[in-house]
Amino acid sequence: MTEEFGGDVLLFDTEDGGEISVINGLVIPDGGFRTAVYLSLFGGNKDDGGEVASGDTWWGNRLEGVSENEKLVSRFMSFVRSVPLNSKNLKIAQDKAKEDLKWFLDDDIADSVEVELLDEGNNRIQLNVRIEKSGEIIESGKYALQWETVKNGV
């Protein structure tokens, strides 16, 4: 018997990270790209400096047969955790988020990936993501978070 792949495990964003969706004791699959976007932006090893070749890379990046586009690096997360919040770093963080999601374009999953990062005040930011294929939105999401260096006292 062959079972059809239902997608990644559905993660949802919480104040302290991602959580797995469970309903009636069953882990819920993500039939779309929400989890892939979340892991691309916030996955990987928190001690990774945002470089694929980092010695602190996430263990899954070292598995045999993992392509470059399948590796979790999370340049966005790494950057937000390491620098102070200012207008220049906000723009750089937005570019890093777009770089983390570039694999959607490289693998021809999407025709466009739009990323917008907004300063909401009080060291809170909102990351808006919109991914389209053939004029249709295949994923969109909003991620609100505190700029990490403020939370960590850096």
N, C-alpha and C. Protein backbone atom coordinates (compact mmCIF):
# COMPACT_ATOMS: atom_id res chain seq x y z
N MET A 1 0.84 -1.18 0.00
CA MET A 1 0.00 0.00 0.00
C MET A 1 0.89 1.25 0.00
N THR A 2 0.64 2.15 -0.92
CA THR A 2 1.40 3.39 -1.02
C THR A 2 0.59 4.53 -0.43
N GLU A 3 1.22 5.26 0.48
CA GLU A 3 0.56 6.42 1.06
C GLU A 3 1.08 7.67 0.39
N GLU A 4 0.19 8.63 0.18
CA GLU A 4 0.55 9.88 -0.44
C GLU A 4 1.16 10.81 0.61
N PHE A 5 2.22 11.50 0.23
CA PHE A 5 2.88 12.44 1.14
C PHE A 5 1.95 13.60 1.43
N GLY A 6 1.64 13.82 2.69
CA GLY A 6 0.72 14.88 3.09
C GLY A 6 1.40 16.21 3.33
N GLY A 7 2.71 16.24 3.21
CA GLY A 7 3.45 17.47 3.44
C GLY A 7 4.25 17.40 4.73
N ASP A 8 4.96 18.48 4.99
CA ASP A 8 5.72 18.59 6.24
C ASP A 8 4.77 18.64 7.42
N VAL A 9 5.29 18.44 8.60
CA VAL A 9 4.52 18.63 9.82
C VAL A 9 4.16 20.11 9.90
N LEU A 10 2.90 20.42 10.16
CA LEU A 10 2.45 21.81 10.22
C LEU A 10 2.97 22.47 11.50
N LEU A 11 3.78 23.51 11.32
CA LEU A 11 4.27 24.30 12.44
C LEU A 11 3.52 25.62 12.47
N PHE A 12 3.33 26.15 13.65
CA PHE A 12 2.78 27.50 13.76
C PHE A 12 3.69 28.31 14.66
N ASP A 13 3.69 29.61 14.43
CA ASP A 13 4.58 30.52 15.12
C ASP A 13 4.02 30.86 16.50
N THR A 14 4.89 30.84 17.50
CA THR A 14 4.52 31.26 18.85
C THR A 14 5.54 32.28 19.32
N GLU A 15 5.29 32.88 20.45
CA GLU A 15 6.20 33.90 21.00
C GLU A 15 7.61 33.35 21.24
N ASP A 16 7.72 32.05 21.54
CA ASP A 16 9.03 31.48 21.84
C ASP A 16 9.47 30.43 20.81
N GLY A 17 8.96 30.52 19.59
CA GLY A 17 9.39 29.60 18.54
C GLY A 17 8.22 28.88 17.91
N GLY A 18 8.53 27.91 17.09
CA GLY A 18 7.50 27.15 16.38
C GLY A 18 6.99 25.99 17.20
N GLU A 19 5.73 25.68 17.01
CA GLU A 19 5.09 24.56 17.68
C GLU A 19 4.45 23.66 16.63
N ILE A 20 4.40 22.38 16.91
CA ILE A 20 3.77 21.40 16.03
C ILE A 20 2.27 21.43 16.24
N SER A 21 1.52 21.39 15.15
CA SER A 21 0.05 21.35 15.25
C SER A 21 -0.42 19.93 15.51
N VAL A 22 -1.19 19.76 16.57
CA VAL A 22 -1.74 18.45 16.93
C VAL A 22 -3.24 18.63 17.19
N ILE A 23 -4.04 17.80 16.55
CA ILE A 23 -5.49 17.81 16.78
C ILE A 23 -5.93 16.39 17.08
N ASN A 24 -6.63 16.22 18.21
CA ASN A 24 -7.10 14.90 18.64
C ASN A 24 -5.96 13.88 18.69
N GLY A 25 -4.78 14.33 19.12
CA GLY A 25 -3.64 13.43 19.26
C GLY A 25 -2.91 13.12 17.97
N LEU A 26 -3.33 13.70 16.86
CA LEU A 26 -2.68 13.44 15.58
C LEU A 26 -1.90 14.66 15.12
N VAL A 27 -0.67 14.43 14.68
CA VAL A 27 0.14 15.51 14.13
C VAL A 27 -0.44 15.89 12.77
N ILE A 28 -0.66 17.18 12.56
CA ILE A 28 -1.31 17.67 11.34
C ILE A 28 -0.24 17.97 10.29
N PRO A 29 -0.43 17.47 9.06
CA PRO A 29 0.51 17.77 7.98
C PRO A 29 0.22 19.14 7.36
N ASP A 30 1.23 19.71 6.78
CA ASP A 30 1.11 20.98 6.06
C ASP A 30 1.04 20.65 4.58
N GLY A 31 -0.10 20.81 3.97
CA GLY A 31 -0.25 20.51 2.55
C GLY A 31 0.33 21.58 1.65
N GLY A 32 0.80 22.67 2.24
CA GLY A 32 1.36 23.78 1.46
C GLY A 32 2.82 24.02 1.80
N PHE A 33 3.17 25.29 1.90
CA PHE A 33 4.57 25.66 2.09
C PHE A 33 4.83 26.43 3.38
N ARG A 34 3.83 26.52 4.26
CA ARG A 34 3.98 27.30 5.50
C ARG A 34 5.17 26.82 6.34
N THR A 35 5.26 25.52 6.55
CA THR A 35 6.36 24.98 7.36
C THR A 35 7.70 25.17 6.67
N ALA A 36 7.75 25.00 5.36
CA ALA A 36 9.00 25.18 4.61
C ALA A 36 9.49 26.62 4.75
N VAL A 37 8.58 27.59 4.68
CA VAL A 37 8.96 28.99 4.86
C VAL A 37 9.46 29.20 6.28
N TYR A 38 8.72 28.69 7.26
CA TYR A 38 9.09 28.88 8.66
C TYR A 38 10.48 28.30 8.95
N LEU A 39 10.72 27.08 8.50
CA LEU A 39 12.02 26.46 8.74
C LEU A 39 13.14 27.16 7.98
N SER A 40 12.85 27.66 6.80
CA SER A 40 13.87 28.40 6.03
C SER A 40 14.30 29.65 6.76
N LEU A 41 13.37 30.31 7.42
CA LEU A 41 13.66 31.57 8.12
C LEU A 41 14.15 31.37 9.55
N PHE A 42 13.62 30.36 10.24
CA PHE A 42 13.89 30.21 11.67
C PHE A 42 14.49 28.86 12.05
N GLY A 43 14.73 27.99 11.09
CA GLY A 43 15.27 26.66 11.38
C GLY A 43 16.78 26.68 11.47
N GLY A 44 17.37 25.53 11.38
CA GLY A 44 18.82 25.45 11.47
C GLY A 44 19.29 25.49 12.91
N ASN A 45 20.58 25.65 13.11
CA ASN A 45 21.19 25.70 14.43
C ASN A 45 21.31 27.16 14.85
N LYS A 46 20.80 27.52 16.02
CA LYS A 46 20.84 28.92 16.45
C LYS A 46 22.28 29.44 16.60
N ASP A 47 23.26 28.54 16.73
CA ASP A 47 24.65 28.98 16.85
C ASP A 47 25.34 29.09 15.50
N ASP A 48 24.65 28.70 14.44
CA ASP A 48 25.20 28.81 13.08
C ASP A 48 25.29 30.30 12.75
N GLY A 49 26.40 30.71 12.22
CA GLY A 49 26.59 32.11 11.86
C GLY A 49 25.89 32.51 10.58
N GLY A 50 25.04 31.66 10.04
CA GLY A 50 24.32 32.00 8.82
C GLY A 50 25.06 31.60 7.56
N GLU A 51 26.03 30.74 7.70
CA GLU A 51 26.81 30.28 6.54
C GLU A 51 26.65 28.78 6.40
N VAL A 52 26.46 28.32 5.16
CA VAL A 52 26.29 26.89 4.90
C VAL A 52 27.50 26.10 5.39
N ALA A 53 28.69 26.66 5.24
CA ALA A 53 29.92 25.94 5.59
C ALA A 53 30.26 26.03 7.08
N SER A 54 29.41 26.66 7.87
CA SER A 54 29.69 26.84 9.29
C SER A 54 29.88 25.50 9.99
N GLY A 55 30.82 25.44 10.91
CA GLY A 55 31.02 24.24 11.71
C GLY A 55 29.85 23.98 12.65
N ASP A 56 29.04 25.02 12.88
CA ASP A 56 27.88 24.91 13.77
C ASP A 56 26.59 24.66 13.00
N THR A 57 26.71 24.20 11.77
CA THR A 57 25.52 24.00 10.96
C THR A 57 24.59 22.97 11.58
N TRP A 58 23.32 23.06 11.25
CA TRP A 58 22.32 22.11 11.73
C TRP A 58 22.72 20.71 11.27
N TRP A 59 22.53 19.70 12.12
CA TRP A 59 22.99 18.34 11.83
C TRP A 59 22.38 17.79 10.55
N GLY A 60 21.15 18.16 10.23
CA GLY A 60 20.51 17.65 9.01
C GLY A 60 21.21 18.09 7.74
N ASN A 61 21.98 19.19 7.82
CA ASN A 61 22.72 19.67 6.65
C ASN A 61 23.90 18.75 6.32
N ARG A 62 24.28 17.91 7.24
CA ARG A 62 25.43 17.02 7.04
C ARG A 62 25.04 15.64 6.51
N LEU A 63 23.75 15.39 6.37
CA LEU A 63 23.31 14.09 5.88
C LEU A 63 23.70 13.90 4.42
N GLU A 64 24.07 12.68 4.10
CA GLU A 64 24.44 12.34 2.73
C GLU A 64 23.24 12.55 1.81
N GLY A 65 23.48 13.17 0.67
CA GLY A 65 22.44 13.36 -0.33
C GLY A 65 21.63 14.64 -0.17
N VAL A 66 21.91 15.44 0.85
CA VAL A 66 21.18 16.70 1.04
C VAL A 66 21.75 17.73 0.06
N SER A 67 20.89 18.26 -0.81
CA SER A 67 21.34 19.25 -1.79
C SER A 67 21.52 20.61 -1.11
N GLU A 68 22.20 21.52 -1.77
CA GLU A 68 22.42 22.85 -1.21
C GLU A 68 21.10 23.56 -0.93
N ASN A 69 20.12 23.38 -1.80
CA ASN A 69 18.82 24.05 -1.61
C ASN A 69 18.01 23.43 -0.48
N GLU A 70 18.37 22.24 -0.02
CA GLU A 70 17.66 21.59 1.08
C GLU A 70 18.26 21.91 2.44
N LYS A 71 19.41 22.55 2.47
CA LYS A 71 20.08 22.83 3.74
C LYS A 71 19.43 24.01 4.45
N LEU A 72 19.24 23.87 5.76
CA LEU A 72 18.70 24.94 6.58
C LEU A 72 19.84 25.78 7.13
N VAL A 73 19.85 27.04 6.76
CA VAL A 73 20.89 27.94 7.23
C VAL A 73 20.29 29.07 8.06
N SER A 74 19.16 29.59 7.65
CA SER A 74 18.44 30.65 8.37
C SER A 74 19.31 31.88 8.61
N ARG A 75 19.75 32.46 7.50
CA ARG A 75 20.55 33.68 7.58
C ARG A 75 19.79 34.79 8.30
N PHE A 76 18.48 34.85 8.05
CA PHE A 76 17.64 35.86 8.69
C PHE A 76 17.72 35.75 10.21
N MET A 77 17.45 34.56 10.74
CA MET A 77 17.48 34.36 12.20
C MET A 77 18.85 34.69 12.77
N SER A 78 19.88 34.23 12.11
CA SER A 78 21.23 34.47 12.60
C SER A 78 21.54 35.97 12.66
N PHE A 79 21.14 36.69 11.63
CA PHE A 79 21.42 38.13 11.57
C PHE A 79 20.65 38.89 12.65
N VAL A 80 19.37 38.60 12.79
CA VAL A 80 18.52 39.29 13.76
C VAL A 80 19.02 39.05 15.18
N ARG A 81 19.64 37.91 15.41
CA ARG A 81 20.16 37.60 16.75
C ARG A 81 21.50 38.26 17.04
N SER A 82 22.15 38.85 16.02
CA SER A 82 23.54 39.25 16.21
C SER A 82 23.82 40.75 16.11
N VAL A 83 22.86 41.55 15.67
CA VAL A 83 23.14 42.97 15.47
C VAL A 83 22.02 43.81 16.09
N PRO A 84 22.32 45.08 16.38
CA PRO A 84 21.27 45.95 16.92
C PRO A 84 20.24 46.33 15.86
N LEU A 85 19.04 46.67 16.30
CA LEU A 85 17.98 47.11 15.40
C LEU A 85 18.20 48.56 15.00
N ASN A 86 18.36 48.78 13.71
CA ASN A 86 18.38 50.13 13.15
C ASN A 86 17.91 50.02 11.70
N SER A 87 17.73 51.13 11.03
CA SER A 87 17.16 51.10 9.68
C SER A 87 18.06 50.35 8.69
N LYS A 88 19.36 50.49 8.83
CA LYS A 88 20.29 49.78 7.93
C LYS A 88 20.17 48.27 8.15
N ASN A 89 20.18 47.83 9.41
CA ASN A 89 20.11 46.40 9.70
C ASN A 89 18.74 45.81 9.38
N LEU A 90 17.69 46.63 9.46
CA LEU A 90 16.36 46.18 9.06
C LEU A 90 16.35 45.82 7.58
N LYS A 91 16.97 46.64 6.75
CA LYS A 91 17.06 46.38 5.31
C LYS A 91 17.90 45.13 5.04
N ILE A 92 19.03 44.99 5.73
CA ILE A 92 19.89 43.82 5.56
C ILE A 92 19.13 42.55 5.97
N ALA A 93 18.40 42.61 7.09
CA ALA A 93 17.64 41.46 7.56
C ALA A 93 16.58 41.06 6.53
N GLN A 94 15.94 42.04 5.94
CA GLN A 94 14.94 41.77 4.89
C GLN A 94 15.59 41.04 3.72
N ASP A 95 16.78 41.49 3.32
CA ASP A 95 17.52 40.83 2.22
C ASP A 95 17.91 39.40 2.61
N LYS A 96 18.28 39.19 3.86
CA LYS A 96 18.66 37.85 4.32
C LYS A 96 17.46 36.92 4.31
N ALA A 97 16.29 37.43 4.69
CA ALA A 97 15.07 36.62 4.63
C ALA A 97 14.78 36.22 3.18
N LYS A 98 14.94 37.15 2.28
CA LYS A 98 14.70 36.85 0.86
C LYS A 98 15.71 35.81 0.37
N GLU A 99 16.94 35.91 0.83
CA GLU A 99 17.97 34.92 0.46
C GLU A 99 17.62 33.54 1.00
N ASP A 100 17.10 33.48 2.23
CA ASP A 100 16.69 32.19 2.80
C ASP A 100 15.57 31.54 2.01
N LEU A 101 14.75 32.34 1.35
CA LEU A 101 13.61 31.82 0.60
C LEU A 101 13.87 31.71 -0.90
N LYS A 102 15.07 32.03 -1.32
CA LYS A 102 15.43 32.02 -2.75
C LYS A 102 15.30 30.63 -3.37
N TRP A 103 15.39 29.60 -2.57
CA TRP A 103 15.29 28.24 -3.10
C TRP A 103 13.93 28.00 -3.76
N PHE A 104 12.89 28.73 -3.36
CA PHE A 104 11.60 28.61 -4.03
C PHE A 104 11.72 28.99 -5.51
N LEU A 105 12.54 30.00 -5.79
CA LEU A 105 12.78 30.43 -7.17
C LEU A 105 13.73 29.47 -7.87
N ASP A 106 14.80 29.09 -7.19
CA ASP A 106 15.81 28.20 -7.77
C ASP A 106 15.23 26.86 -8.18
N ASP A 107 14.29 26.35 -7.38
CA ASP A 107 13.67 25.04 -7.66
C ASP A 107 12.40 25.17 -8.49
N ASP A 108 12.13 26.37 -9.01
CA ASP A 108 10.97 26.64 -9.86
C ASP A 108 9.64 26.31 -9.18
N ILE A 109 9.61 26.45 -7.88
CA ILE A 109 8.37 26.27 -7.12
C ILE A 109 7.55 27.55 -7.22
N ALA A 110 8.25 28.69 -7.31
CA ALA A 110 7.59 29.99 -7.35
C ALA A 110 8.20 30.86 -8.43
N ASP A 111 7.41 31.83 -8.88
CA ASP A 111 7.88 32.84 -9.82
C ASP A 111 8.34 34.10 -9.10
N SER A 112 7.80 34.33 -7.91
CA SER A 112 8.21 35.51 -7.15
C SER A 112 8.14 35.23 -5.66
N VAL A 113 9.07 35.84 -4.95
CA VAL A 113 9.11 35.79 -3.48
C VAL A 113 9.25 37.23 -3.01
N GLU A 114 8.23 37.71 -2.33
CA GLU A 114 8.25 39.07 -1.81
C GLU A 114 8.41 39.02 -0.30
N VAL A 115 9.31 39.85 0.21
CA VAL A 115 9.57 39.90 1.64
C VAL A 115 9.55 41.37 2.06
N GLU A 116 8.83 41.66 3.11
CA GLU A 116 8.76 43.02 3.65
C GLU A 116 8.98 42.92 5.16
N LEU A 117 9.91 43.72 5.67
CA LEU A 117 10.19 43.72 7.10
C LEU A 117 9.86 45.10 7.65
N LEU A 118 8.99 45.13 8.64
CA LEU A 118 8.52 46.39 9.21
C LEU A 118 8.92 46.52 10.67
N ASP A 119 9.36 47.72 11.05
CA ASP A 119 9.64 48.04 12.44
C ASP A 119 8.33 48.50 13.07
N GLU A 120 7.83 47.76 14.04
CA GLU A 120 6.56 48.09 14.67
C GLU A 120 6.73 48.89 15.95
N GLY A 121 7.95 49.27 16.28
CA GLY A 121 8.21 50.01 17.51
C GLY A 121 8.44 49.06 18.67
N ASN A 122 9.00 49.61 19.74
CA ASN A 122 9.29 48.82 20.95
C ASN A 122 10.10 47.57 20.63
N ASN A 123 11.01 47.68 19.65
CA ASN A 123 11.91 46.60 19.27
C ASN A 123 11.18 45.37 18.73
N ARG A 124 9.98 45.57 18.22
CA ARG A 124 9.20 44.50 17.59
C ARG A 124 9.25 44.71 16.08
N ILE A 125 9.35 43.62 15.37
CA ILE A 125 9.34 43.67 13.90
C ILE A 125 8.29 42.71 13.38
N GLN A 126 7.84 42.97 12.17
CA GLN A 126 6.94 42.04 11.50
C GLN A 126 7.51 41.73 10.13
N LEU A 127 7.63 40.45 9.85
CA LEU A 127 8.12 39.97 8.56
C LEU A 127 6.92 39.46 7.78
N ASN A 128 6.66 40.06 6.62
CA ASN A 128 5.58 39.64 5.74
C ASN A 128 6.18 38.92 4.54
N VAL A 129 5.66 37.74 4.24
CA VAL A 129 6.15 36.92 3.14
C VAL A 129 5.00 36.61 2.20
N ARG A 130 5.26 36.74 0.91
CA ARG A 130 4.25 36.41 -0.12
C ARG A 130 4.98 35.71 -1.26
N ILE A 131 4.53 34.50 -1.57
CA ILE A 131 5.16 33.68 -2.61
C ILE A 131 4.10 33.35 -3.65
N GLU A 132 4.43 33.60 -4.94
CA GLU A 132 3.47 33.39 -6.02
C GLU A 132 4.03 32.49 -7.10
N LYS A 133 3.12 31.75 -7.72
CA LYS A 133 3.43 30.91 -8.88
C LYS A 133 2.30 31.11 -9.89
N SER A 134 2.64 31.47 -11.10
CA SER A 134 1.67 31.67 -12.18
C SER A 134 0.54 32.61 -11.77
N GLY A 135 0.89 33.67 -11.06
CA GLY A 135 -0.08 34.67 -10.65
C GLY A 135 -0.93 34.29 -9.45
N GLU A 136 -0.73 33.10 -8.89
CA GLU A 136 -1.49 32.64 -7.73
C GLU A 136 -0.59 32.69 -6.49
N ILE A 137 -1.17 33.08 -5.37
CA ILE A 137 -0.44 33.06 -4.10
C ILE A 137 -0.38 31.61 -3.62
N ILE A 138 0.84 31.08 -3.49
CA ILE A 138 0.97 29.72 -2.99
C ILE A 138 1.32 29.70 -1.50
N GLU A 139 1.78 30.83 -0.98
CA GLU A 139 2.02 30.96 0.46
C GLU A 139 2.12 32.43 0.82
N SER A 140 1.56 32.79 1.94
CA SER A 140 1.75 34.11 2.50
C SER A 140 1.68 33.97 4.01
N GLY A 141 2.45 34.77 4.68
CA GLY A 141 2.46 34.68 6.13
C GLY A 141 3.02 35.94 6.76
N LYS A 142 2.66 36.15 8.00
CA LYS A 142 3.16 37.27 8.79
C LYS A 142 3.79 36.69 10.05
N TYR A 143 4.99 37.16 10.34
CA TYR A 143 5.74 36.66 11.50
C TYR A 143 6.14 37.86 12.35
N ALA A 144 5.56 37.97 13.52
CA ALA A 144 5.89 39.06 14.44
C ALA A 144 6.88 38.54 15.47
N LEU A 145 7.92 39.31 15.71
CA LEU A 145 8.92 38.89 16.68
C LEU A 145 9.65 40.08 17.25
N GLN A 146 10.29 39.86 18.38
CA GLN A 146 11.13 40.88 18.97
C GLN A 146 12.51 40.75 18.35
N TRP A 147 13.12 41.90 18.05
CA TRP A 147 14.49 41.89 17.53
C TRP A 147 15.36 41.26 18.60
N GLU A 148 16.01 40.12 18.26
CA GLU A 148 16.66 39.26 19.24
C GLU A 148 17.74 39.93 20.08
N THR A 149 18.52 40.84 19.51
CA THR A 149 19.61 41.41 20.32
C THR A 149 19.07 42.21 21.48
N VAL A 150 17.88 42.75 21.34
CA VAL A 150 17.26 43.48 22.45
C VAL A 150 16.86 42.49 23.53
N LYS A 151 16.24 41.39 23.14
CA LYS A 151 15.80 40.37 24.09
C LYS A 151 16.99 39.75 24.81
N ASN A 152 18.10 39.57 24.08
CA ASN A 152 19.29 38.93 24.66
C ASN A 152 20.24 39.92 25.32
N GLY A 153 19.89 41.20 25.31
CA GLY A 153 20.71 42.20 25.98
C GLY A 153 21.98 42.54 25.23
N VAL A 154 22.06 42.27 23.95
CA VAL A 154 23.26 42.59 23.16
C VAL A 154 23.18 44.01 22.70
